[in-house]
C-alpha atoms as a PDB file:
ATOM      1  CA  UNK A   1      61.457 100.683 213.273  1.00  0.00           C
ATOM      2  CA  UNK A   2      61.500 100.806 209.549  1.00  0.00           C
ATOM      3  CA  UNK A   3      64.053 103.068 208.646  1.00  0.00           C
ATOM      4  CA  UNK A   4      66.097 100.980 211.626  1.00  0.00           C
ATOM      5  CA  UNK A   5      65.410  97.785 209.097  1.00  0.00           C
ATOM      6  CA  UNK A   6      66.499  99.353 206.514  1.00  0.00           C
ATOM      7  CA  UNK A   7      69.880 100.246 207.436  1.00  0.00           C
ATOM      8  CA  UNK A   8      70.653  96.507 208.450  1.00  0.00           C
ATOM      9  CA  UNK A   9      68.747  95.430 205.141  1.00  0.00           C
ATOM     10  CA  UNK A  10      71.251  98.362 203.128  1.00  0.00           C
ATOM     11  CA  UNK A  11      74.297  98.298 205.066  1.00  0.00           C
ATOM     12  CA  UNK A  12      74.893  94.162 205.806  1.00  0.00           C
ATOM     13  CA  UNK A  13      75.011  93.992 201.628  1.00  0.00           C
ATOM     14  CA  UNK A  14      76.981  97.222 201.417  1.00  0.00           C
ATOM     15  CA  UNK A  15      79.387  96.432 203.886  1.00  0.00           C
ATOM     16  CA  UNK A  16      79.972  92.993 202.548  1.00  0.00           C
ATOM     17  CA  UNK A  17      80.681  94.288 199.052  1.00  0.00           C
ATOM     18  CA  UNK A  18      83.492  96.925 199.944  1.00  0.00           C
ATOM     19  CA  UNK A  19      85.018  94.583 201.744  1.00  0.00           C
ATOM     20  CA  UNK A  20      85.537  92.518 198.859  1.00  0.00           C
ATOM     21  CA  UNK A  21      86.241  95.148 197.160  1.00  0.00           C
ATOM     22  CA  UNK A  22      89.020  96.721 199.786  1.00  0.00           C
ATOM     23  CA  UNK A  23      90.693  92.749 200.066  1.00  0.00           C
ATOM     24  CA  UNK A  24      91.094  92.245 196.686  1.00  0.00           C
ATOM     25  CA  UNK A  25      92.359  95.664 195.951  1.00  0.00           C
ATOM     26  CA  UNK A  26      94.721  95.138 198.877  1.00  0.00           C
ATOM     27  CA  UNK A  27      95.791  91.594 197.027  1.00  0.00           C
ATOM     28  CA  UNK A  28      96.210  92.771 193.897  1.00  0.00           C
ATOM     29  CA  UNK A  29      98.013  95.887 195.082  1.00  0.00           C
ATOM     30  CA  UNK A  30     100.814  94.119 196.889  1.00  0.00           C
ATOM     31  CA  UNK A  31     100.909  91.438 194.580  1.00  0.00           C
ATOM     32  CA  UNK A  32     101.730  93.722 191.795  1.00  0.00           C
ATOM     33  CA  UNK A  33     104.719  95.306 193.907  1.00  0.00           C
ATOM     34  CA  UNK A  34     106.078  91.730 194.319  1.00  0.00           C
ATOM     35  CA  UNK A  35     105.016  90.199 197.544  1.00  0.00           C
ATOM     36  CA  UNK A  36     104.778  87.073 197.952  1.00  0.00           C
ATOM     37  CA  UNK A  37     101.293  85.112 197.573  1.00  0.00           C
ATOM     38  CA  UNK A  38     101.465  83.171 200.435  1.00  0.00           C
ATOM     39  CA  UNK A  39     102.450  86.437 202.448  1.00  0.00           C
ATOM     40  CA  UNK A  40      99.558  88.194 200.883  1.00  0.00           C
ATOM     41  CA  UNK A  41      97.050  85.196 201.489  1.00  0.00           C
ATOM     42  CA  UNK A  42      98.216  84.825 204.942  1.00  0.00           C
ATOM     43  CA  UNK A  43      98.106  88.515 206.065  1.00  0.00           C
ATOM     44  CA  UNK A  44      95.827  90.437 203.407  1.00  0.00           C
ATOM     45  CA  UNK A  45      93.541  87.988 202.452  1.00  0.00           C
ATOM     46  CA  UNK A  46      93.112  85.687 205.627  1.00  0.00           C
ATOM     47  CA  UNK A  47      93.217  88.660 207.785  1.00  0.00           C
ATOM     48  CA  UNK A  48      91.800  90.742 205.618  1.00  0.00           C
ATOM     49  CA  UNK A  49      87.885  88.860 205.502  1.00  0.00           C
ATOM     50  CA  UNK A  50      87.600  89.887 209.031  1.00  0.00           C
ATOM     51  CA  UNK A  51      87.248  93.584 207.788  1.00  0.00           C
ATOM     52  CA  UNK A  52      83.591  93.792 208.135  1.00  0.00           C
ATOM     53  CA  UNK A  53      84.194  92.734 211.739  1.00  0.00           C
ATOM     54  CA  UNK A  54      86.812  95.323 212.942  1.00  0.00           C
ATOM     55  CA  UNK A  55      85.276  97.909 211.378  1.00  0.00           C
ATOM     56  CA  UNK A  56      81.581  97.084 213.083  1.00  0.00           C
ATOM     57  CA  UNK A  57      83.381  96.436 216.649  1.00  0.00           C
ATOM     58  CA  UNK A  58      85.167  99.755 216.261  1.00  0.00           C
ATOM     59  CA  UNK A  59      82.392 101.958 215.967  1.00  0.00           C
ATOM     60  CA  UNK A  60      80.013 100.063 217.889  1.00  0.00           C
ATOM     61  CA  UNK A  61      82.509 100.161 220.889  1.00  0.00           C
ATOM     62  CA  UNK A  62      82.895 104.002 220.305  1.00  0.00           C
ATOM     63  CA  UNK A  63      79.463 104.335 221.053  1.00  0.00           C
ATOM     64  CA  UNK A  64      79.576 102.694 223.967  1.00  0.00           C
ATOM     65  CA  UNK A  65      77.397  99.202 222.452  1.00  0.00           C
ATOM     66  CA  UNK A  66      79.951  96.880 223.860  1.00  0.00           C
ATOM     67  CA  UNK A  67      77.342  93.973 223.257  1.00  0.00           C
ATOM     68  CA  UNK A  68      77.441  94.335 219.655  1.00  0.00           C
ATOM     69  CA  UNK A  69      81.147  94.532 219.685  1.00  0.00           C
ATOM     70  CA  UNK A  70      81.999  91.355 221.746  1.00  0.00           C
ATOM     71  CA  UNK A  71      79.128  89.353 220.087  1.00  0.00           C
ATOM     72  CA  UNK A  72      80.428  90.382 216.984  1.00  0.00           C
ATOM     73  CA  UNK A  73      83.720  89.397 217.062  1.00  0.00           C
ATOM     74  CA  UNK A  74      82.839  85.810 219.431  1.00  0.00           C
ATOM     75  CA  UNK A  75      80.293  85.472 217.374  1.00  0.00           C
ATOM     76  CA  UNK A  76      81.752  85.430 214.203  1.00  0.00           C
ATOM     77  CA  UNK A  77      84.239  82.942 215.487  1.00  0.00           C
ATOM     78  CA  UNK A  78      81.360  80.447 216.582  1.00  0.00           C
ATOM     79  CA  UNK A  79      79.807  80.964 212.965  1.00  0.00           C
ATOM     80  CA  UNK A  80      82.599  80.187 211.032  1.00  0.00           C
ATOM     81  CA  UNK A  81      83.366  77.286 212.955  1.00  0.00           C
ATOM     82  CA  UNK A  82      80.380  75.566 212.904  1.00  0.00           C
ATOM     83  CA  UNK A  83      78.686  77.569 210.341  1.00  0.00           C
ATOM     84  CA  UNK A  84      80.682  78.290 207.371  1.00  0.00           C
ATOM     85  CA  UNK A  85      82.954  75.039 208.015  1.00  0.00           C
ATOM     86  CA  UNK A  86      80.192  72.928 208.877  1.00  0.00           C
ATOM     87  CA  UNK A  87      78.318  74.006 205.637  1.00  0.00           C
ATOM     88  CA  UNK A  88      81.824  73.688 203.772  1.00  0.00           C
ATOM     89  CA  UNK A  89      82.717  70.231 204.865  1.00  0.00           C
ATOM     90  CA  UNK A  90      78.843  68.757 204.374  1.00  0.00           C
ATOM     91  CA  UNK A  91      79.269  69.569 200.615  1.00  0.00           C
ATOM     92  CA  UNK A  92      82.913  68.999 200.326  1.00  0.00           C
ATOM     93  CA  UNK A  93      84.878  67.244 203.239  1.00  0.00           C
ATOM     94  CA  UNK A  94      87.867  69.315 203.679  1.00  0.00           C
ATOM     95  CA  UNK A  95      91.298  67.755 203.766  1.00  0.00           C
ATOM     96  CA  UNK A  96      94.201  69.865 205.463  1.00  0.00           C
ATOM     97  CA  UNK A  97      97.295  68.881 203.680  1.00  0.00           C
ATOM     98  CA  UNK A  98      99.018  72.191 204.475  1.00  0.00           C
ATOM     99  CA  UNK A  99     101.744  71.690 207.448  1.00  0.00           C
ATOM    100  CA  UNK A 100     101.104  75.482 208.108  1.00  0.00           C
ATOM    101  CA  UNK A 101      97.488  74.946 208.535  1.00  0.00           C
ATOM    102  CA  UNK A 102      98.729  72.139 211.073  1.00  0.00           C
ATOM    103  CA  UNK A 103     100.438  74.441 212.687  1.00  0.00           C
ATOM    104  CA  UNK A 104      97.839  77.819 213.456  1.00  0.00           C
ATOM    105  CA  UNK A 105      95.329  75.391 214.292  1.00  0.00           C
ATOM    106  CA  UNK A 106      97.107  74.667 217.743  1.00  0.00           C
ATOM    107  CA  UNK A 107      97.672  78.386 217.840  1.00  0.00           C
ATOM    108  CA  UNK A 108      93.961  79.026 217.268  1.00  0.00           C
ATOM    109  CA  UNK A 109      93.330  77.106 220.082  1.00  0.00           C
ATOM    110  CA  UNK A 110      95.682  78.452 222.492  1.00  0.00           C
ATOM    111  CA  UNK A 111      94.926  82.081 221.931  1.00  0.00           C
ATOM    112  CA  UNK A 112      90.854  81.029 222.188  1.00  0.00           C
ATOM    113  CA  UNK A 113      91.636  79.971 225.566  1.00  0.00           C
ATOM    114  CA  UNK A 114      93.825  83.023 226.559  1.00  0.00           C
ATOM    115  CA  UNK A 115      90.689  85.149 225.017  1.00  0.00           C
ATOM    116  CA  UNK A 116      88.578  83.384 227.487  1.00  0.00           C
ATOM    117  CA  UNK A 117      90.647  83.493 230.600  1.00  0.00           C
ATOM    118  CA  UNK A 118      90.928  86.748 230.369  1.00  0.00           C
ATOM    119  CA  UNK A 119      87.454  87.411 230.381  1.00  0.00           C
ATOM    120  CA  UNK A 120      87.095  85.485 233.411  1.00  0.00           C
ATOM    121  CA  UNK A 121      86.133  88.018 235.802  1.00  0.00           C
ATOM    122  CA  UNK A 122      83.828  89.163 233.891  1.00  0.00           C
ATOM    123  CA  UNK A 123      85.365  92.680 231.739  1.00  0.00           C
ATOM    124  CA  UNK A 124      87.611  93.414 229.083  1.00  0.00           C
ATOM    125  CA  UNK A 125      90.133  95.932 231.097  1.00  0.00           C
ATOM    126  CA  UNK A 126      92.291  98.063 228.685  1.00  0.00           C
ATOM    127  CA  UNK A 127      95.323  95.879 230.306  1.00  0.00           C
ATOM    128  CA  UNK A 128      93.366  93.112 228.753  1.00  0.00           C
ATOM    129  CA  UNK A 129      93.205  95.133 225.238  1.00  0.00           C
ATOM    130  CA  UNK A 130      96.878  95.528 225.233  1.00  0.00           C
ATOM    131  CA  UNK A 131      97.485  92.065 225.591  1.00  0.00           C
ATOM    132  CA  UNK A 132      95.633  90.709 222.803  1.00  0.00           C
ATOM    133  CA  UNK A 133      97.071  93.146 220.916  1.00  0.00           C
ATOM    134  CA  UNK A 134     100.558  92.437 221.957  1.00  0.00           C
ATOM    135  CA  UNK A 135     100.033  88.854 221.283  1.00  0.00           C
ATOM    136  CA  UNK A 136      97.891  90.100 217.903  1.00  0.00           C
ATOM    137  CA  UNK A 137     101.675  92.010 216.881  1.00  0.00           C
ATOM    138  CA  UNK A 138     103.242  88.413 217.587  1.00  0.00           C
ATOM    139  CA  UNK A 139     100.878  86.622 215.534  1.00  0.00           C
ATOM    140  CA  UNK A 140     101.604  88.993 212.575  1.00  0.00           C
ATOM    141  CA  UNK A 141     105.013  88.469 212.807  1.00  0.00           C
ATOM    142  CA  UNK A 142     105.182  84.588 212.939  1.00  0.00           C
ATOM    143  CA  UNK A 143     102.915  84.823 210.163  1.00  0.00           C
ATOM    144  CA  UNK A 144     105.375  87.282 207.939  1.00  0.00           C
ATOM    145  CA  UNK A 145     108.433  84.439 209.481  1.00  0.00           C
ATOM    146  CA  UNK A 146     106.066  81.455 207.783  1.00  0.00           C
ATOM    147  CA  UNK A 147     104.947  83.341 204.763  1.00  0.00           C
ATOM    148  CA  UNK A 148     108.660  83.687 204.016  1.00  0.00           C
ATOM    149  CA  UNK A 149     109.968  80.073 205.206  1.00  0.00           C
ATOM    150  CA  UNK A 150     106.927  78.260 203.814  1.00  0.00           C
ATOM    151  CA  UNK A 151     106.877  79.173 199.814  1.00  0.00           C
ATOM    152  CA  UNK A 152     106.955  75.307 198.948  1.00  0.00           C
ATOM    153  CA  UNK A 153     103.423  74.425 201.332  1.00  0.00           C
ATOM    154  CA  UNK A 154     100.122  73.557 199.824  1.00  0.00           C
ATOM    155  CA  UNK A 155      98.592  76.199 200.997  1.00  0.00           C
ATOM    156  CA  UNK A 156     100.907  78.646 199.162  1.00  0.00           C
ATOM    157  CA  UNK A 157     100.211  77.346 195.747  1.00  0.00           C
ATOM    158  CA  UNK A 158      96.685  77.717 196.379  1.00  0.00           C
ATOM    159  CA  UNK A 159      97.234  81.266 197.390  1.00  0.00           C
ATOM    160  CA  UNK A 160      99.207  81.784 194.402  1.00  0.00           C
ATOM    161  CA  UNK A 161      96.512  80.602 191.658  1.00  0.00           C
ATOM    162  CA  UNK A 162      93.916  82.558 193.701  1.00  0.00           C
ATOM    163  CA  UNK A 163      95.860  86.025 193.427  1.00  0.00           C
ATOM    164  CA  UNK A 164      97.151  85.768 190.292  1.00  0.00           C
ATOM    165  CA  UNK A 165      93.616  85.180 188.740  1.00  0.00           C
ATOM    166  CA  UNK A 166      92.919  88.638 189.198  1.00  0.00           C
ATOM    167  CA  UNK A 167      92.437  90.940 186.218  1.00  0.00           C
ATOM    168  CA  UNK A 168      93.132  94.613 185.640  1.00  0.00           C
ATOM    169  CA  UNK A 169      95.898  97.459 185.864  1.00  0.00           C
ATOM    170  CA  UNK A 170      96.658  99.327 189.181  1.00  0.00           C
ATOM    171  CA  UNK A 171      94.932 102.314 188.904  1.00  0.00           C
ATOM    172  CA  UNK A 172      91.871 100.169 189.151  1.00  0.00           C
ATOM    173  CA  UNK A 173      92.703  98.037 191.813  1.00  0.00           C
ATOM    174  CA  UNK A 174      93.831 100.776 194.018  1.00  0.00           C
ATOM    175  CA  UNK A 175      90.807 102.980 193.232  1.00  0.00           C
ATOM    176  CA  UNK A 176      88.723  99.865 194.354  1.00  0.00           C
ATOM    177  CA  UNK A 177      91.230  99.636 197.650  1.00  0.00           C
ATOM    178  CA  UNK A 178      90.179 103.435 198.379  1.00  0.00           C
ATOM    179  CA  UNK A 179      86.271 102.578 197.399  1.00  0.00           C
ATOM    180  CA  UNK A 180      85.833  99.929 199.459  1.00  0.00           C
ATOM    181  CA  UNK A 181      87.698 100.965 202.893  1.00  0.00           C
ATOM    182  CA  UNK A 182      85.242 104.059 202.712  1.00  0.00           C
ATOM    183  CA  UNK A 183      82.186 102.276 201.671  1.00  0.00           C
ATOM    184  CA  UNK A 184      83.532  99.786 204.519  1.00  0.00           C
ATOM    185  CA  UNK A 185      83.509 102.612 207.262  1.00  0.00           C
ATOM    186  CA  UNK A 186      80.343 104.256 205.824  1.00  0.00           C
ATOM    187  CA  UNK A 187      78.315 100.993 205.772  1.00  0.00           C
ATOM    188  CA  UNK A 188      79.258  99.592 209.535  1.00  0.00           C
ATOM    189  CA  UNK A 189      78.005 102.920 210.616  1.00  0.00           C
ATOM    190  CA  UNK A 190      74.766 102.532 208.941  1.00  0.00           C
ATOM    191  CA  UNK A 191      74.743  98.811 210.261  1.00  0.00           C
ATOM    192  CA  UNK A 192      75.634  99.266 214.014  1.00  0.00           C
ATOM    193  CA  UNK A 193      72.878 102.432 213.945  1.00  0.00           C
ATOM    194  CA  UNK A 194      70.253  99.844 212.584  1.00  0.00           C
ATOM    195  CA  UNK A 195      71.740  96.947 215.041  1.00  0.00           C
ATOM    196  CA  UNK A 196      70.852  98.868 218.250  1.00  0.00           C
ATOM    197  CA  UNK A 197      67.262 100.343 217.613  1.00  0.00           C
ATOM    198  CA  UNK A 198      66.361  97.137 216.427  1.00  0.00           C
ATOM    199  CA  UNK A 199      67.893  95.960 219.365  1.00  0.00           C
ATOM    200  CA  UNK A 200      65.672  98.470 221.646  1.00  0.00           C
ATOM    201  CA  UNK A 201      62.494  98.222 219.673  1.00  0.00           C
ATOM    202  CA  UNK A 202      62.052  94.391 220.553  1.00  0.00           C
ATOM    203  CA  UNK A 203      63.929  95.100 223.871  1.00  0.00           C
ATOM    204  CA  UNK A 204      66.408  92.285 223.309  1.00  0.00           C
ATOM    205  CA  UNK A 205      70.258  92.844 224.284  1.00  0.00           C
ATOM    206  CA  UNK A 206      72.529  94.331 221.201  1.00  0.00           C
ATOM    207  CA  UNK A 207      74.653  91.319 221.840  1.00  0.00           C
ATOM    208  CA  UNK A 208      71.856  88.994 220.780  1.00  0.00           C
ATOM    209  CA  UNK A 209      71.759  91.011 217.817  1.00  0.00           C
ATOM    210  CA  UNK A 210      75.815  90.806 217.855  1.00  0.00           C
ATOM    211  CA  UNK A 211      75.983  87.025 218.079  1.00  0.00           C
ATOM    212  CA  UNK A 212      73.332  86.437 215.743  1.00  0.00           C
ATOM    213  CA  UNK A 213      72.565  89.076 212.700  1.00  0.00           C
ATOM    214  CA  UNK A 214      75.677  90.892 212.594  1.00  0.00           C
ATOM    215  CA  UNK A 215      78.390  87.961 213.040  1.00  0.00           C
ATOM    216  CA  UNK A 216      76.094  85.899 210.341  1.00  0.00           C
ATOM    217  CA  UNK A 217      76.546  88.826 208.344  1.00  0.00           C
ATOM    218  CA  UNK A 218      79.787  89.698 208.870  1.00  0.00           C
ATOM    219  CA  UNK A 219      81.180  86.395 208.518  1.00  0.00           C
ATOM    220  CA  UNK A 220      79.875  85.865 204.954  1.00  0.00           C
ATOM    221  CA  UNK A 221      83.248  86.591 203.057  1.00  0.00           C
ATOM    222  CA  UNK A 222      84.779  83.781 204.801  1.00  0.00           C
ATOM    223  CA  UNK A 223      81.598  81.598 203.450  1.00  0.00           C
ATOM    224  CA  UNK A 224      81.842  82.830 200.272  1.00  0.00           C
ATOM    225  CA  UNK A 225      85.780  81.951 200.222  1.00  0.00           C
ATOM    226  CA  UNK A 226      84.886  78.914 201.811  1.00  0.00           C
ATOM    227  CA  UNK A 227      82.772  77.567 199.290  1.00  0.00           C
ATOM    228  CA  UNK A 228      84.291  78.657 196.107  1.00  0.00           C
ATOM    229  CA  UNK A 229      87.534  76.950 197.465  1.00  0.00           C
ATOM    230  CA  UNK A 230      86.136  73.812 198.097  1.00  0.00           C
ATOM    231  CA  UNK A 231      84.395  73.922 195.046  1.00  0.00           C
ATOM    232  CA  UNK A 232      88.272  74.279 193.424  1.00  0.00           C
ATOM    233  CA  UNK A 233      89.715  71.495 195.478  1.00  0.00           C
ATOM    234  CA  UNK A 234      91.487  74.413 197.809  1.00  0.00           C
ATOM    235  CA  UNK A 235      90.608  72.614 200.960  1.00  0.00           C
ATOM    236  CA  UNK A 236      93.727  74.072 202.850  1.00  0.00           C
ATOM    237  CA  UNK A 237      91.929  77.474 201.345  1.00  0.00           C
ATOM    238  CA  UNK A 238      89.115  77.331 202.995  1.00  0.00           C
ATOM    239  CA  UNK A 239      90.447  76.246 206.502  1.00  0.00           C
ATOM    240  CA  UNK A 240      93.142  78.692 206.508  1.00  0.00           C
ATOM    241  CA  UNK A 241      90.498  82.000 205.337  1.00  0.00           C
ATOM    242  CA  UNK A 242      88.765  80.528 208.649  1.00  0.00           C
ATOM    243  CA  UNK A 243      91.433  80.175 210.725  1.00  0.00           C
ATOM    244  CA  UNK A 244      93.410  83.275 210.249  1.00  0.00           C
ATOM    245  CA  UNK A 245      90.004  85.090 210.521  1.00  0.00           C
ATOM    246  CA  UNK A 246      89.514  84.207 213.939  1.00  0.00           C
ATOM    247  CA  UNK A 247      92.410  84.827 215.384  1.00  0.00           C
ATOM    248  CA  UNK A 248      92.342  88.254 213.863  1.00  0.00           C
ATOM    249  CA  UNK A 249      88.698  88.314 215.236  1.00  0.00           C
ATOM    250  CA  UNK A 250      89.898  87.174 218.827  1.00  0.00           C
ATOM    251  CA  UNK A 251      93.323  89.230 218.975  1.00  0.00           C
ATOM    252  CA  UNK A 252      92.744  92.138 216.642  1.00  0.00           C
ATOM    253  CA  UNK A 253      89.084  92.723 216.705  1.00  0.00           C
ATOM    254  CA  UNK A 254      88.437  92.453 220.484  1.00  0.00           C
ATOM    255  CA  UNK A 255      91.733  94.030 221.631  1.00  0.00           C
ATOM    256  CA  UNK A 256      91.015  97.189 219.367  1.00  0.00           C
ATOM    257  CA  UNK A 257      87.473  97.334 220.683  1.00  0.00           C
ATOM    258  CA  UNK A 258      88.483  97.595 224.457  1.00  0.00           C
ATOM    259  CA  UNK A 259      91.193  99.772 223.683  1.00  0.00           C
ATOM    260  CA  UNK A 260      88.937 102.243 222.481  1.00  0.00           C
ATOM    261  CA  UNK A 261      86.674 101.380 225.843  1.00  0.00           C
ATOM    262  CA  UNK A 262      86.381  98.684 228.302  1.00  0.00           C
ATOM    263  CA  UNK A 263      83.760  96.381 228.454  1.00  0.00           C
ATOM    264  CA  UNK A 264      81.489  94.439 231.091  1.00  0.00           C
ATOM    265  CA  UNK A 265      80.446  91.261 229.930  1.00  0.00           C
ATOM    266  CA  UNK A 266      77.333  89.379 231.516  1.00  0.00           C
ATOM    267  CA  UNK A 267      77.454  85.725 232.971  1.00  0.00           C
ATOM    268  CA  UNK A 268      75.209  84.179 230.725  1.00  0.00           C
ATOM    269  CA  UNK A 269      77.640  85.393 227.890  1.00  0.00           C
ATOM    270  CA  UNK A 270      81.069  83.979 229.633  1.00  0.00           C
ATOM    271  CA  UNK A 271      78.748  80.559 230.354  1.00  0.00           C
ATOM    272  CA  UNK A 272      77.286  80.126 227.176  1.00  0.00           C
ATOM    273  CA  UNK A 273      78.965  81.816 223.871  1.00  0.00           C
ATOM    274  CA  UNK A 274      82.348  82.114 225.288  1.00  0.00           C
ATOM    275  CA  UNK A 275      81.772  78.173 226.324  1.00  0.00           C
ATOM    276  CA  UNK A 276      80.270  77.195 222.977  1.00  0.00           C
ATOM    277  CA  UNK A 277      83.062  78.983 221.137  1.00  0.00           C
ATOM    278  CA  UNK A 278      85.987  77.326 222.995  1.00  0.00           C
ATOM    279  CA  UNK A 279      83.938  73.500 222.381  1.00  0.00           C
ATOM    280  CA  UNK A 280      83.750  74.477 218.728  1.00  0.00           C
ATOM    281  CA  UNK A 281      87.637  75.195 218.406  1.00  0.00           C
ATOM    282  CA  UNK A 282      88.542  72.381 220.075  1.00  0.00           C
ATOM    283  CA  UNK A 283      86.138  70.103 218.229  1.00  0.00           C
ATOM    284  CA  UNK A 284      88.190  71.493 215.312  1.00  0.00           C
ATOM    285  CA  UNK A 285      91.388  70.684 217.076  1.00  0.00           C
ATOM    286  CA  UNK A 286      90.645  67.403 217.266  1.00  0.00           C
ATOM    287  CA  UNK A 287      89.166  67.388 213.941  1.00  0.00           C
ATOM    288  CA  UNK A 288      91.493  68.144 211.601  1.00  0.00           C
ATOM    289  CA  UNK A 289      95.139  68.394 213.433  1.00  0.00           C
ATOM    290  CA  UNK A 290      95.649  64.905 212.165  1.00  0.00           C
ATOM    291  CA  UNK A 291      97.226  63.007 214.944  1.00  0.00           C
ATOM    292  CA  UNK A 292      97.040  59.874 213.343  1.00  0.00           C
ATOM    293  CA  UNK A 293      97.854  60.950 209.765  1.00  0.00           C
ATOM    294  CA  UNK A 294      96.147  63.428 208.059  1.00  0.00           C
ATOM    295  CA  UNK A 295      93.818  65.933 209.233  1.00  0.00           C
ATOM    296  CA  UNK A 296      90.049  65.575 207.967  1.00  0.00           C
ATOM    297  CA  UNK A 297      86.569  67.514 208.104  1.00  0.00           C
ATOM    298  CA  UNK A 298      84.189  64.965 206.883  1.00  0.00           C
ATOM    299  CA  UNK A 299      80.694  65.328 206.153  1.00  0.00           C
ATOM    300  CA  UNK A 300      79.994  64.019 209.221  1.00  0.00           C
ATOM    301  CA  UNK A 301      81.199  66.119 211.670  1.00  0.00           C
ATOM    302  CA  UNK A 302      80.621  68.929 209.403  1.00  0.00           C
ATOM    303  CA  UNK A 303      76.608  67.882 209.625  1.00  0.00           C
ATOM    304  CA  UNK A 304      77.083  67.822 213.534  1.00  0.00           C
ATOM    305  CA  UNK A 305      79.037  71.414 213.564  1.00  0.00           C
ATOM    306  CA  UNK A 306      75.703  73.171 211.285  1.00  0.00           C
ATOM    307  CA  UNK A 307      73.205  71.101 213.523  1.00  0.00           C
ATOM    308  CA  UNK A 308      75.154  72.537 216.711  1.00  0.00           C
ATOM    309  CA  UNK A 309      74.582  76.092 214.959  1.00  0.00           C
ATOM    310  CA  UNK A 310      71.030  75.894 214.574  1.00  0.00           C
ATOM    311  CA  UNK A 311      70.676  74.592 218.148  1.00  0.00           C
ATOM    312  CA  UNK A 312      72.474  77.416 219.540  1.00  0.00           C
ATOM    313  CA  UNK A 313      70.759  79.956 217.341  1.00  0.00           C
ATOM    314  CA  UNK A 314      67.883  78.501 218.863  1.00  0.00           C
ATOM    315  CA  UNK A 315      68.897  78.744 222.588  1.00  0.00           C
ATOM    316  CA  UNK A 316      69.670  82.670 221.986  1.00  0.00           C
ATOM    317  CA  UNK A 317      66.860  83.257 219.973  1.00  0.00           C
ATOM    318  CA  UNK A 318      64.548  82.144 222.712  1.00  0.00           C
ATOM    319  CA  UNK A 319      66.695  83.372 225.023  1.00  0.00           C
ATOM    320  CA  UNK A 320      66.201  87.056 223.842  1.00  0.00           C
ATOM    321  CA  UNK A 321      62.374  86.658 223.902  1.00  0.00           C
ATOM    322  CA  UNK A 322      62.134  84.777 227.283  1.00  0.00           C
ATOM    323  CA  UNK A 323      64.213  87.241 229.537  1.00  0.00           C
END
């Protein structure tokens, strides 16, 4: 038990640090070779912040721990909206200026409902996984087209400022890219092993561990980037990172895990966790789409998100020890 706890305590910080180095190195190398800042932001940074989720879920699925694989992906989506955007908006209200973000929010909502619909039969089959990966390929293609067409968008300016601020030579960035990837893989294996051992010791399902400790832990890159972004007044960047991460989690993380190992889910996961994820996504859509004007996530709405996450986490922990 002590060794498993140390695996989580050590594995999680190393996972997050290595993910940051991997994403930062990838973005800097792409920038050196003249790739559009908006394209780097939407693909490498927006999706790259989900690197911890995908590596953890891949190892979990390969080892037959479907609860960790799915709990990590969907739990991170819940944490991204309710915890991260809630806390961020509570500190500084988030105004939506980017037309790209306004287009991405309905896409995220549609993808979330599609993923939930696939799980209504309590199974994630290989056909379901291939469907998600097919949509992911379409999403990447759409992101590339959007980035090419949207260089004058507010989001493009914010990504450009972030990427051009990076220092160092190409060799240095390549070194961090490779180092980050290797440590990302190693720390993910350690973290999954520790999580499974702790779940077994306390007699709780690995799904609960995936939805709580691992989901929140792997969402910390989004939290850090969102808080830094709003401090700089880059509201669209804060929101864009979360939206990109959620779409990546829903399609690529779940899709790849399902391709490795088809999964059966519990009814409680469908009717509790999936429902919470859907409700959070719908609420974000209503607050940020800006039907009658500029979209905005204010402090009251952010506080509501944060309160909802606290209640949800309490219910999870309570159910883990009652059952």
